[in-house]
């Protein structure tokens, strides 16, 4: 499973083998114990990757073949493509900009997305 954490400082992605239902249940239990509200709903999330990464073609073919409209790869401009995923959004309220997004895909596709995200993070860090 891919776990995308959207925070006030950006996106952090990780791969985990935890069952998504278990992770959601644990997060709900934690919110209840802390007296916090929690919003969980099916949804979509997206993030940008540099358009010049050579493995994007492989990712595009894998997403088309395995997921159809549940996962997309769309050119934004000459520099970036947007990866869109379907999954579950977990946040303090419905309109929150910070939260956790869970997407379940095949191990191969998850690994490829994660690897490309790491490559893009390293590329961005080298520009700073």
Protein backbone atom coordinates (compact mmCIF):
# COMPACT_ATOMS: atom_id res chain seq x y z
CA UNK A 1 0.00 0.00 0.00
CA UNK A 2 1.13 3.55 -0.68
CA UNK A 3 0.66 6.01 2.16
CA UNK A 4 0.80 9.65 1.12
CA UNK A 5 1.09 12.12 4.00
CA UNK A 6 0.13 15.65 2.99
CA UNK A 7 1.50 18.18 5.50
CA UNK A 8 2.00 21.93 5.66
CA UNK A 9 5.56 21.43 4.37
CA UNK A 10 4.72 19.11 1.48
CA UNK A 11 4.20 15.48 0.59
CA UNK A 12 5.87 12.50 2.20
CA UNK A 13 5.25 9.09 0.64
CA UNK A 14 5.95 5.64 2.02
CA UNK A 15 5.20 2.04 1.17
CA UNK A 16 3.77 -0.16 3.87
CA UNK A 17 2.53 -3.72 4.09
CA UNK A 18 -0.12 -2.82 6.67
CA UNK A 19 -3.67 -3.68 5.70
CA UNK A 20 -5.46 -0.40 4.83
CA UNK A 21 -8.55 -1.32 6.85
CA UNK A 22 -6.35 -1.99 9.90
CA UNK A 23 -4.48 1.28 9.45
CA UNK A 24 -7.77 3.21 9.19
CA UNK A 25 -9.17 1.42 12.25
CA UNK A 26 -6.03 2.26 14.25
CA UNK A 27 -6.24 5.92 13.20
CA UNK A 28 -9.94 6.08 14.16
CA UNK A 29 -9.17 4.54 17.55
CA UNK A 30 -6.35 7.04 18.14
CA UNK A 31 -8.62 9.97 17.23
CA UNK A 32 -11.32 8.71 19.59
CA UNK A 33 -8.85 8.35 22.46
CA UNK A 34 -7.53 11.86 21.85
CA UNK A 35 -11.02 13.33 21.48
CA UNK A 36 -10.32 14.45 17.91
CA UNK A 37 -12.68 14.46 14.98
CA UNK A 38 -11.71 12.38 11.99
CA UNK A 39 -13.03 12.30 8.45
CA UNK A 40 -12.54 9.17 6.33
CA UNK A 41 -13.85 8.92 2.77
CA UNK A 42 -13.05 7.37 -0.58
CA UNK A 43 -11.33 9.87 -2.82
CA UNK A 44 -8.53 10.79 -5.16
CA UNK A 45 -5.10 12.26 -4.53
CA UNK A 46 -2.41 13.50 -6.86
CA UNK A 47 1.19 14.61 -6.92
CA UNK A 48 3.63 15.88 -9.52
CA UNK A 49 6.63 14.16 -11.06
CA UNK A 50 9.19 15.69 -13.43
CA UNK A 51 8.25 14.92 -17.04
CA UNK A 52 11.83 14.03 -17.99
CA UNK A 53 11.99 10.79 -15.95
CA UNK A 54 12.50 7.96 -18.43
CA UNK A 55 10.46 5.40 -16.44
CA UNK A 56 7.26 7.44 -16.81
CA UNK A 57 6.36 5.48 -19.95
CA UNK A 58 6.55 2.23 -17.98
CA UNK A 59 4.39 3.71 -15.22
CA UNK A 60 1.84 5.01 -17.73
CA UNK A 61 1.51 1.58 -19.36
CA UNK A 62 1.19 -0.16 -15.98
CA UNK A 63 -1.50 2.25 -14.79
CA UNK A 64 -3.48 1.96 -18.04
CA UNK A 65 -3.24 -1.83 -18.06
CA UNK A 66 -3.99 -2.47 -14.40
CA UNK A 67 -6.15 0.39 -13.14
CA UNK A 68 -7.89 2.24 -15.98
CA UNK A 69 -9.40 5.43 -14.58
CA UNK A 70 -8.56 4.53 -10.93
CA UNK A 71 -5.00 5.74 -11.53
CA UNK A 72 -3.92 8.30 -14.10
CA UNK A 73 -0.83 9.92 -15.51
CA UNK A 74 -1.56 13.32 -17.11
CA UNK A 75 0.85 15.83 -18.62
CA UNK A 76 0.53 19.18 -16.82
CA UNK A 77 3.06 21.07 -18.94
CA UNK A 78 6.48 20.44 -20.47
CA UNK A 79 8.12 20.04 -17.06
CA UNK A 80 5.64 18.00 -14.99
CA UNK A 81 3.14 15.15 -15.09
CA UNK A 82 0.44 14.55 -12.51
CA UNK A 83 -0.04 11.10 -11.02
CA UNK A 84 -3.63 10.64 -9.81
CA UNK A 85 -4.61 7.77 -7.52
CA UNK A 86 -7.90 6.50 -6.07
CA UNK A 87 -8.03 5.41 -2.46
CA UNK A 88 -9.03 6.61 1.01
CA UNK A 89 -8.57 10.12 2.44
CA UNK A 90 -8.16 10.48 6.22
CA UNK A 91 -8.12 13.97 7.74
CA UNK A 92 -9.46 16.04 10.63
CA UNK A 93 -12.28 17.39 8.48
CA UNK A 94 -13.67 17.08 4.97
CA UNK A 95 -11.98 20.22 3.62
CA UNK A 96 -8.58 19.69 5.26
CA UNK A 97 -5.47 20.20 3.14
CA UNK A 98 -3.39 18.07 5.48
CA UNK A 99 -4.03 14.38 5.97
CA UNK A 100 -3.20 10.86 4.96
CA UNK A 101 -4.14 9.16 1.71
CA UNK A 102 -4.00 5.38 1.24
CA UNK A 103 -3.86 3.69 -2.16
CA UNK A 104 -3.64 -0.06 -2.74
CA UNK A 105 -2.05 -1.26 -5.97
CA UNK A 106 0.07 -4.17 -7.14
CA UNK A 107 3.47 -4.43 -5.47
CA UNK A 108 5.23 -3.72 -8.76
CA UNK A 109 3.21 -0.58 -9.47
CA UNK A 110 3.52 0.69 -5.89
CA UNK A 111 7.28 0.15 -6.02
CA UNK A 112 7.56 1.98 -9.35
CA UNK A 113 5.50 4.96 -8.13
CA UNK A 114 7.50 5.12 -4.90
CA UNK A 115 10.83 4.88 -6.75
CA UNK A 116 9.86 7.66 -9.17
CA UNK A 117 8.69 9.87 -6.29
CA UNK A 118 12.03 9.31 -4.50
CA UNK A 119 13.90 10.16 -7.69
CA UNK A 120 11.90 13.37 -8.08
CA UNK A 121 12.57 14.33 -4.44
CA UNK A 122 16.32 13.80 -4.96
CA UNK A 123 16.14 15.88 -8.17
CA UNK A 124 14.33 18.72 -6.38
CA UNK A 125 16.81 18.60 -3.45
CA UNK A 126 19.76 18.89 -5.85
CA UNK A 127 18.27 22.06 -7.36
CA UNK A 128 17.97 23.81 -3.98
